[in-house]
Amino acid sequence: MARELATDLEMLERFAQPSGKDVVDIGCGGGALVRELTGWGARVTGVEISEGQLANAVARDPDGNARYLIGRAEQLPLEDASVDVALFMRSLHHVPIPELTRALAEACRVLRPGGIVYVSEPLAEGDYFELVSLVDDEDEVRAAAQQALVNANAAGLRRDHTVDYDVDVRIADIPMLRRRIVSVDPERAERFEARSAELVEAFARLGEPDGDDGGRRFVQPMRADVLRPTTA
């Protein structure tokens, strides 16, 4: 059965309806989602593990419309019952494997009554995953994240809804691919250079042509979960 083709934002809006709510984006990276949700009318806090990791997000939000805090998923710098949506957008698998359940428990802790934890995770399959795996094989960490969601009751949560969908990933050229991969983890830069010839070959082989300028279109299978406290 074919998965629905959608965007991460479409699925987030459908299942979390963040507009007008207090939201924490756990592992906010460069802050793109924080800025998008702020534009929707949400009150958003972006959390990252260091000042350096937050630098791009802060620089791109000169008006200070969002709040950014340094912290880790397994020890969120937020009060109990302070948000309506705790969000992991492609970030849960970056939590150290031994801390996954604790991270979900922390997300549960900061929820207000009626709040949800929303997790969207890339699955370890598809042509884009095959391409990126040449630089960083995330099969183990992605599987661990999914297992933590299966065992969410250990974190005081229950899976209320789960849906798989596909996301289009359009990459114009190898430099764009490099920026996309390395922006997540600067340590990937050295591995990217070491396997550049293999990446060029795989880029041309995988996916489908996207226009006449040499760009390629890939598919990334995703899974979104809505979790609620077991006491709700």
C-alpha atoms as a PDB file:
ATOM      1  CA  MET A   1       0.000   0.000   0.000  1.00  0.00           C
ATOM      2  CA  ALA A   2       1.466   3.350  -1.058  1.00  0.00           C
ATOM      3  CA  ARG A   3       2.154   5.903   1.630  1.00  0.00           C
ATOM      4  CA  GLU A   4       0.658   9.372   1.456  1.00  0.00           C
ATOM      5  CA  LEU A   5       3.014  11.961  -0.032  1.00  0.00           C
ATOM      6  CA  ALA A   6       3.053  14.934   2.323  1.00  0.00           C
ATOM      7  CA  THR A   7       5.321  17.436   4.030  1.00  0.00           C
ATOM      8  CA  ASP A   8       6.379  17.394   7.659  1.00  0.00           C
ATOM      9  CA  LEU A   9       4.524  20.664   8.197  1.00  0.00           C
ATOM     10  CA  GLU A  10       1.299  19.308   6.721  1.00  0.00           C
ATOM     11  CA  MET A  11       1.372  16.330   9.059  1.00  0.00           C
ATOM     12  CA  LEU A  12       2.282  18.471  12.063  1.00  0.00           C
ATOM     13  CA  GLU A  13      -0.629  20.813  11.374  1.00  0.00           C
ATOM     14  CA  ARG A  14      -3.021  17.901  10.893  1.00  0.00           C
ATOM     15  CA  PHE A  15      -2.198  16.070  14.098  1.00  0.00           C
ATOM     16  CA  ALA A  16      -0.804  18.695  16.503  1.00  0.00           C
ATOM     17  CA  GLN A  17      -2.574  21.900  15.396  1.00  0.00           C
ATOM     18  CA  PRO A  18       0.121  24.085  17.004  1.00  0.00           C
ATOM     19  CA  SER A  19      -1.318  27.501  16.096  1.00  0.00           C
ATOM     20  CA  GLY A  20      -1.972  29.552  19.227  1.00  0.00           C
ATOM     21  CA  LYS A  21      -0.295  26.992  21.487  1.00  0.00           C
ATOM     22  CA  ASP A  22       2.841  26.883  23.609  1.00  0.00           C
ATOM     23  CA  VAL A  23       5.281  24.593  21.810  1.00  0.00           C
ATOM     24  CA  VAL A  24       8.787  23.350  22.589  1.00  0.00           C
ATOM     25  CA  ASP A  25      10.887  22.270  19.605  1.00  0.00           C
ATOM     26  CA  ILE A  26      13.374  19.808  21.096  1.00  0.00           C
ATOM     27  CA  GLY A  27      16.514  19.780  18.976  1.00  0.00           C
ATOM     28  CA  CYS A  28      15.563  22.883  17.001  1.00  0.00           C
ATOM     29  CA  GLY A  29      18.762  23.107  14.943  1.00  0.00           C
ATOM     30  CA  GLY A  30      18.858  26.259  12.831  1.00  0.00           C
ATOM     31  CA  GLY A  31      15.407  27.288  14.010  1.00  0.00           C
ATOM     32  CA  ALA A  32      13.541  26.959  10.694  1.00  0.00           C
ATOM     33  CA  LEU A  33      10.614  25.148  12.320  1.00  0.00           C
ATOM     34  CA  VAL A  34      10.594  27.552  15.261  1.00  0.00           C
ATOM     35  CA  ARG A  35      10.263  30.485  12.867  1.00  0.00           C
ATOM     36  CA  GLU A  36       7.568  28.721  10.826  1.00  0.00           C
ATOM     37  CA  LEU A  37       5.461  27.911  13.877  1.00  0.00           C
ATOM     38  CA  THR A  38       5.913  31.413  15.268  1.00  0.00           C
ATOM     39  CA  GLY A  39       4.499  32.672  11.981  1.00  0.00           C
ATOM     40  CA  TRP A  40       1.496  30.415  12.559  1.00  0.00           C
ATOM     41  CA  GLY A  41       0.828  32.146  15.865  1.00  0.00           C
ATOM     42  CA  ALA A  42       2.385  29.557  18.165  1.00  0.00           C
ATOM     43  CA  ARG A  43       4.514  30.601  21.145  1.00  0.00           C
ATOM     44  CA  VAL A  44       7.654  28.572  20.546  1.00  0.00           C
ATOM     45  CA  THR A  45      10.717  27.676  22.577  1.00  0.00           C
ATOM     46  CA  GLY A  46      13.610  26.117  20.696  1.00  0.00           C
ATOM     47  CA  VAL A  47      15.995  23.915  22.661  1.00  0.00           C
ATOM     48  CA  GLU A  48      19.499  22.904  21.589  1.00  0.00           C
ATOM     49  CA  ILE A  49      22.451  21.394  23.402  1.00  0.00           C
ATOM     50  CA  SER A  50      24.883  24.327  23.233  1.00  0.00           C
ATOM     51  CA  GLU A  51      25.258  28.002  22.446  1.00  0.00           C
ATOM     52  CA  GLY A  52      27.087  27.052  19.261  1.00  0.00           C
ATOM     53  CA  GLN A  53      24.219  24.828  18.131  1.00  0.00           C
ATOM     54  CA  LEU A  54      21.787  27.681  18.755  1.00  0.00           C
ATOM     55  CA  ALA A  55      23.862  30.376  17.053  1.00  0.00           C
ATOM     56  CA  ASN A  56      22.258  30.074  13.612  1.00  0.00           C
ATOM     57  CA  ALA A  57      18.753  30.007  15.031  1.00  0.00           C
ATOM     58  CA  VAL A  58      19.320  33.128  17.116  1.00  0.00           C
ATOM     59  CA  ALA A  59      21.009  34.945  14.221  1.00  0.00           C
ATOM     60  CA  ARG A  60      18.051  34.264  11.943  1.00  0.00           C
ATOM     61  CA  ASP A  61      15.559  35.598  14.494  1.00  0.00           C
ATOM     62  CA  PRO A  62      16.783  39.190  14.994  1.00  0.00           C
ATOM     63  CA  ASP A  63      13.385  40.343  16.229  1.00  0.00           C
ATOM     64  CA  GLY A  64      13.448  37.818  19.053  1.00  0.00           C
ATOM     65  CA  ASN A  65       9.980  36.494  18.323  1.00  0.00           C
ATOM     66  CA  ALA A  66      10.889  33.076  19.707  1.00  0.00           C
ATOM     67  CA  ARG A  67      12.667  31.929  22.846  1.00  0.00           C
ATOM     68  CA  TYR A  68      15.797  29.782  22.633  1.00  0.00           C
ATOM     69  CA  LEU A  69      17.244  27.803  25.523  1.00  0.00           C
ATOM     70  CA  ILE A  70      20.296  25.617  25.981  1.00  0.00           C
ATOM     71  CA  GLY A  71      19.402  22.169  27.243  1.00  0.00           C
ATOM     72  CA  ARG A  72      19.214  18.495  26.457  1.00  0.00           C
ATOM     73  CA  ALA A  73      16.173  16.409  25.609  1.00  0.00           C
ATOM     74  CA  GLU A  74      16.757  14.238  28.666  1.00  0.00           C
ATOM     75  CA  GLN A  75      16.832  17.312  30.966  1.00  0.00           C
ATOM     76  CA  LEU A  76      14.627  20.011  29.479  1.00  0.00           C
ATOM     77  CA  PRO A  77      15.094  23.547  30.864  1.00  0.00           C
ATOM     78  CA  LEU A  78      11.337  24.016  31.272  1.00  0.00           C
ATOM     79  CA  GLU A  79       8.873  24.003  34.132  1.00  0.00           C
ATOM     80  CA  ASP A  80       6.421  21.172  34.705  1.00  0.00           C
ATOM     81  CA  ALA A  81       3.144  21.503  32.773  1.00  0.00           C
ATOM     82  CA  SER A  82       4.360  24.502  30.761  1.00  0.00           C
ATOM     83  CA  VAL A  83       3.655  23.572  27.107  1.00  0.00           C
ATOM     84  CA  ASP A  84       0.825  22.218  24.997  1.00  0.00           C
ATOM     85  CA  VAL A  85       3.002  20.449  22.412  1.00  0.00           C
ATOM     86  CA  ALA A  86       6.425  18.887  22.965  1.00  0.00           C
ATOM     87  CA  LEU A  87       7.895  18.350  19.526  1.00  0.00           C
ATOM     88  CA  PHE A  88      10.660  16.085  18.230  1.00  0.00           C
ATOM     89  CA  MET A  89      10.952  16.860  14.512  1.00  0.00           C
ATOM     90  CA  ARG A  90      13.525  14.393  13.117  1.00  0.00           C
ATOM     91  CA  SER A  91      15.472  14.799  16.349  1.00  0.00           C
ATOM     92  CA  LEU A  92      14.609  11.875  18.630  1.00  0.00           C
ATOM     93  CA  HIS A  93      17.186   9.584  17.003  1.00  0.00           C
ATOM     94  CA  HIS A  94      19.904  12.121  17.856  1.00  0.00           C
ATOM     95  CA  VAL A  95      19.304  11.536  21.576  1.00  0.00           C
ATOM     96  CA  PRO A  96      21.855   9.061  23.021  1.00  0.00           C
ATOM     97  CA  ILE A  97      20.284   5.605  22.960  1.00  0.00           C
ATOM     98  CA  PRO A  98      20.450   5.067  26.759  1.00  0.00           C
ATOM     99  CA  GLU A  99      18.604   8.395  27.252  1.00  0.00           C
ATOM    100  CA  LEU A 100      15.715   7.911  24.821  1.00  0.00           C
ATOM    101  CA  THR A 101      13.117   6.877  27.392  1.00  0.00           C
ATOM    102  CA  ARG A 102      14.224   9.634  29.739  1.00  0.00           C
ATOM    103  CA  ALA A 103      13.875  12.179  26.903  1.00  0.00           C
ATOM    104  CA  LEU A 104      10.309  11.051  26.248  1.00  0.00           C
ATOM    105  CA  ALA A 105       9.579  11.199  29.977  1.00  0.00           C
ATOM    106  CA  GLU A 106      10.884  14.773  30.078  1.00  0.00           C
ATOM    107  CA  ALA A 107       8.603  15.690  27.174  1.00  0.00           C
ATOM    108  CA  CYS A 108       5.725  14.183  29.135  1.00  0.00           C
ATOM    109  CA  ARG A 109       6.708  16.117  32.266  1.00  0.00           C
ATOM    110  CA  VAL A 110       6.454  19.525  30.603  1.00  0.00           C
ATOM    111  CA  LEU A 111       2.989  18.885  29.097  1.00  0.00           C
ATOM    112  CA  ARG A 112      -0.077  20.637  30.358  1.00  0.00           C
ATOM    113  CA  PRO A 113      -3.272  18.614  30.764  1.00  0.00           C
ATOM    114  CA  GLY A 114      -4.535  17.794  27.277  1.00  0.00           C
ATOM    115  CA  GLY A 115      -1.092  18.303  25.733  1.00  0.00           C
ATOM    116  CA  ILE A 116       0.681  15.944  23.349  1.00  0.00           C
ATOM    117  CA  VAL A 117       4.157  14.788  22.433  1.00  0.00           C
ATOM    118  CA  TYR A 118       4.567  14.815  18.648  1.00  0.00           C
ATOM    119  CA  VAL A 119       7.415  12.814  17.143  1.00  0.00           C
ATOM    120  CA  SER A 120       8.277  12.712  13.455  1.00  0.00           C
ATOM    121  CA  GLU A 121      11.150  10.387  12.573  1.00  0.00           C
ATOM    122  CA  PRO A 122      12.817   9.364   9.298  1.00  0.00           C
ATOM    123  CA  LEU A 123      12.681   5.623   8.732  1.00  0.00           C
ATOM    124  CA  ALA A 124      15.811   3.654   7.871  1.00  0.00           C
ATOM    125  CA  GLU A 125      14.710   2.893   4.325  1.00  0.00           C
ATOM    126  CA  GLY A 126      14.337   4.523   0.910  1.00  0.00           C
ATOM    127  CA  ASP A 127      16.712   5.969  -1.658  1.00  0.00           C
ATOM    128  CA  TYR A 128      17.549   9.117   0.307  1.00  0.00           C
ATOM    129  CA  PHE A 129      18.493   7.048   3.344  1.00  0.00           C
ATOM    130  CA  GLU A 130      20.725   4.906   1.124  1.00  0.00           C
ATOM    131  CA  LEU A 131      22.448   8.025  -0.170  1.00  0.00           C
ATOM    132  CA  VAL A 132      23.013   9.645   3.223  1.00  0.00           C
ATOM    133  CA  SER A 133      24.150   6.354   4.747  1.00  0.00           C
ATOM    134  CA  LEU A 134      27.361   6.671   2.757  1.00  0.00           C
ATOM    135  CA  VAL A 135      28.276   9.470   5.162  1.00  0.00           C
ATOM    136  CA  ASP A 136      26.540   8.405   8.355  1.00  0.00           C
ATOM    137  CA  ASP A 137      24.711   5.100   8.715  1.00  0.00           C
ATOM    138  CA  GLU A 138      21.933   5.834  11.206  1.00  0.00           C
ATOM    139  CA  ASP A 139      20.247   2.439  11.035  1.00  0.00           C
ATOM    140  CA  GLU A 140      20.953   1.621  14.695  1.00  0.00           C
ATOM    141  CA  VAL A 141      19.906   4.967  16.165  1.00  0.00           C
ATOM    142  CA  ARG A 142      16.753   5.183  14.067  1.00  0.00           C
ATOM    143  CA  ALA A 143      15.754   1.657  15.098  1.00  0.00           C
ATOM    144  CA  ALA A 144      16.401   2.556  18.744  1.00  0.00           C
ATOM    145  CA  ALA A 145      14.185   5.632  18.465  1.00  0.00           C
ATOM    146  CA  GLN A 146      11.357   3.534  17.052  1.00  0.00           C
ATOM    147  CA  GLN A 147      11.769   0.974  19.821  1.00  0.00           C
ATOM    148  CA  ALA A 148      11.596   3.742  22.425  1.00  0.00           C
ATOM    149  CA  LEU A 149       8.280   4.810  20.912  1.00  0.00           C
ATOM    150  CA  VAL A 150       6.991   1.223  21.009  1.00  0.00           C
ATOM    151  CA  ASN A 151       7.905   1.202  24.717  1.00  0.00           C
ATOM    152  CA  ALA A 152       6.592   4.721  25.361  1.00  0.00           C
ATOM    153  CA  ASN A 153       4.631   3.519  28.389  1.00  0.00           C
ATOM    154  CA  ALA A 154       7.976   3.351  30.218  1.00  0.00           C
ATOM    155  CA  ALA A 155       8.073   7.144  29.827  1.00  0.00           C
ATOM    156  CA  GLY A 156       4.488   7.617  31.004  1.00  0.00           C
ATOM    157  CA  LEU A 157       3.151   7.966  27.459  1.00  0.00           C
ATOM    158  CA  ARG A 158       0.876   5.999  25.164  1.00  0.00           C
ATOM    159  CA  ARG A 159       0.785   6.024  21.380  1.00  0.00           C
ATOM    160  CA  ASP A 160      -2.478   7.706  20.449  1.00  0.00           C
ATOM    161  CA  HIS A 161      -1.915   7.760  16.691  1.00  0.00           C
ATOM    162  CA  THR A 162       0.808   6.628  14.282  1.00  0.00           C
ATOM    163  CA  VAL A 163       0.994   7.348  10.548  1.00  0.00           C
ATOM    164  CA  ASP A 164       3.625   6.645   7.901  1.00  0.00           C
ATOM    165  CA  TYR A 165       4.104   9.068   5.014  1.00  0.00           C
ATOM    166  CA  ASP A 166       6.637   9.957   2.320  1.00  0.00           C
ATOM    167  CA  VAL A 167       8.456  13.265   1.946  1.00  0.00           C
ATOM    168  CA  ASP A 168       9.934  14.536  -1.303  1.00  0.00           C
ATOM    169  CA  VAL A 169      13.574  15.558  -0.950  1.00  0.00           C
ATOM    170  CA  ARG A 170      14.826  17.696  -3.852  1.00  0.00           C
ATOM    171  CA  ILE A 171      18.573  18.157  -4.123  1.00  0.00           C
ATOM    172  CA  ALA A 172      19.940  20.464  -6.829  1.00  0.00           C
ATOM    173  CA  ASP A 173      23.540  19.252  -6.815  1.00  0.00           C
ATOM    174  CA  ILE A 174      26.351  17.731  -4.745  1.00  0.00           C
ATOM    175  CA  PRO A 175      27.225  21.006  -2.932  1.00  0.00           C
ATOM    176  CA  MET A 176      23.606  21.273  -1.792  1.00  0.00           C
ATOM    177  CA  LEU A 177      23.703  17.664  -0.617  1.00  0.00           C
ATOM    178  CA  ARG A 178      26.861  18.425   1.356  1.00  0.00           C
ATOM    179  CA  ARG A 179      25.293  21.462   3.033  1.00  0.00           C
ATOM    180  CA  ARG A 180      22.222  19.472   3.977  1.00  0.00           C
ATOM    181  CA  ILE A 181      24.168  16.567   5.441  1.00  0.00           C
ATOM    182  CA  VAL A 182      26.899  18.528   7.214  1.00  0.00           C
ATOM    183  CA  SER A 183      24.539  21.121   8.729  1.00  0.00           C
ATOM    184  CA  VAL A 184      23.109  18.399  10.989  1.00  0.00           C
ATOM    185  CA  ASP A 185      26.543  17.366  12.254  1.00  0.00           C
ATOM    186  CA  PRO A 186      29.729  19.268  11.289  1.00  0.00           C
ATOM    187  CA  GLU A 187      31.782  16.131  11.974  1.00  0.00           C
ATOM    188  CA  ARG A 188      30.268  14.643   8.823  1.00  0.00           C
ATOM    189  CA  ALA A 189      32.291  17.004   6.633  1.00  0.00           C
ATOM    190  CA  GLU A 190      35.436  14.865   6.717  1.00  0.00           C
ATOM    191  CA  ARG A 191      33.503  11.684   5.917  1.00  0.00           C
ATOM    192  CA  PHE A 192      31.702  13.457   3.075  1.00  0.00           C
ATOM    193  CA  GLU A 193      34.993  14.450   1.469  1.00  0.00           C
ATOM    194  CA  ALA A 194      36.453  10.976   1.937  1.00  0.00           C
ATOM    195  CA  ARG A 195      33.534   9.360   0.080  1.00  0.00           C
ATOM    196  CA  SER A 196      32.845  12.117  -2.432  1.00  0.00           C
ATOM    197  CA  ALA A 197      33.330   9.882  -5.492  1.00  0.00           C
ATOM    198  CA  GLU A 198      30.846   7.312  -4.133  1.00  0.00           C
ATOM    199  CA  LEU A 199      28.381  10.085  -3.314  1.00  0.00           C
ATOM    200  CA  VAL A 200      28.559  11.476  -6.842  1.00  0.00           C
ATOM    201  CA  GLU A 201      27.868   7.999  -8.261  1.00  0.00           C
ATOM    202  CA  ALA A 202      25.006   7.315  -5.846  1.00  0.00           C
ATOM    203  CA  PHE A 203      23.484  10.762  -6.434  1.00  0.00           C
ATOM    204  CA  ALA A 204      23.270  10.018 -10.162  1.00  0.00           C
ATOM    205  CA  ARG A 205      21.952   6.482  -9.646  1.00  0.00           C
ATOM    206  CA  LEU A 206      19.349   6.919  -6.920  1.00  0.00           C
ATOM    207  CA  GLY A 207      16.128   8.894  -7.033  1.00  0.00           C
ATOM    208  CA  GLU A 208      14.698  10.487 -10.155  1.00  0.00           C
ATOM    209  CA  PRO A 209      15.626  13.504 -12.308  1.00  0.00           C
ATOM    210  CA  ASP A 210      14.103  16.752 -11.093  1.00  0.00           C
ATOM    211  CA  GLY A 211      14.075  19.201 -14.001  1.00  0.00           C
ATOM    212  CA  ASP A 212      16.743  19.726 -16.621  1.00  0.00           C
ATOM    213  CA  ASP A 213      19.472  21.217 -14.434  1.00  0.00           C
ATOM    214  CA  GLY A 214      20.857  17.967 -13.016  1.00  0.00           C
ATOM    215  CA  GLY A 215      18.875  18.022  -9.789  1.00  0.00           C
ATOM    216  CA  ARG A 216      17.473  14.833  -8.306  1.00  0.00           C
ATOM    217  CA  ARG A 217      14.296  13.986  -6.405  1.00  0.00           C
ATOM    218  CA  PHE A 218      14.468  11.434  -3.593  1.00  0.00           C
ATOM    219  CA  VAL A 219      11.865   9.965  -1.260  1.00  0.00           C
ATOM    220  CA  GLN A 220      12.304   9.806   2.510  1.00  0.00           C
ATOM    221  CA  PRO A 221       9.798   7.574   4.339  1.00  0.00           C
ATOM    222  CA  MET A 222       8.684   9.101   7.645  1.00  0.00           C
ATOM    223  CA  ARG A 223       6.669   8.051  10.683  1.00  0.00           C
ATOM    224  CA  ALA A 224       4.724  10.492  12.851  1.00  0.00           C
ATOM    225  CA  ASP A 225       3.493   9.630  16.332  1.00  0.00           C
ATOM    226  CA  VAL A 226       1.085  11.440  18.605  1.00  0.00           C
ATOM    227  CA  LEU A 227       1.654  10.438  22.225  1.00  0.00           C
ATOM    228  CA  ARG A 228      -0.394  11.329  25.256  1.00  0.00           C
ATOM    229  CA  PRO A 229       0.273  10.826  28.975  1.00  0.00           C
ATOM    230  CA  THR A 230      -0.987   7.476  30.211  1.00  0.00           C
ATOM    231  CA  THR A 231      -2.810   9.338  32.978  1.00  0.00           C
ATOM    232  CA  ALA A 232      -4.827  11.401  30.489  1.00  0.00           C
END
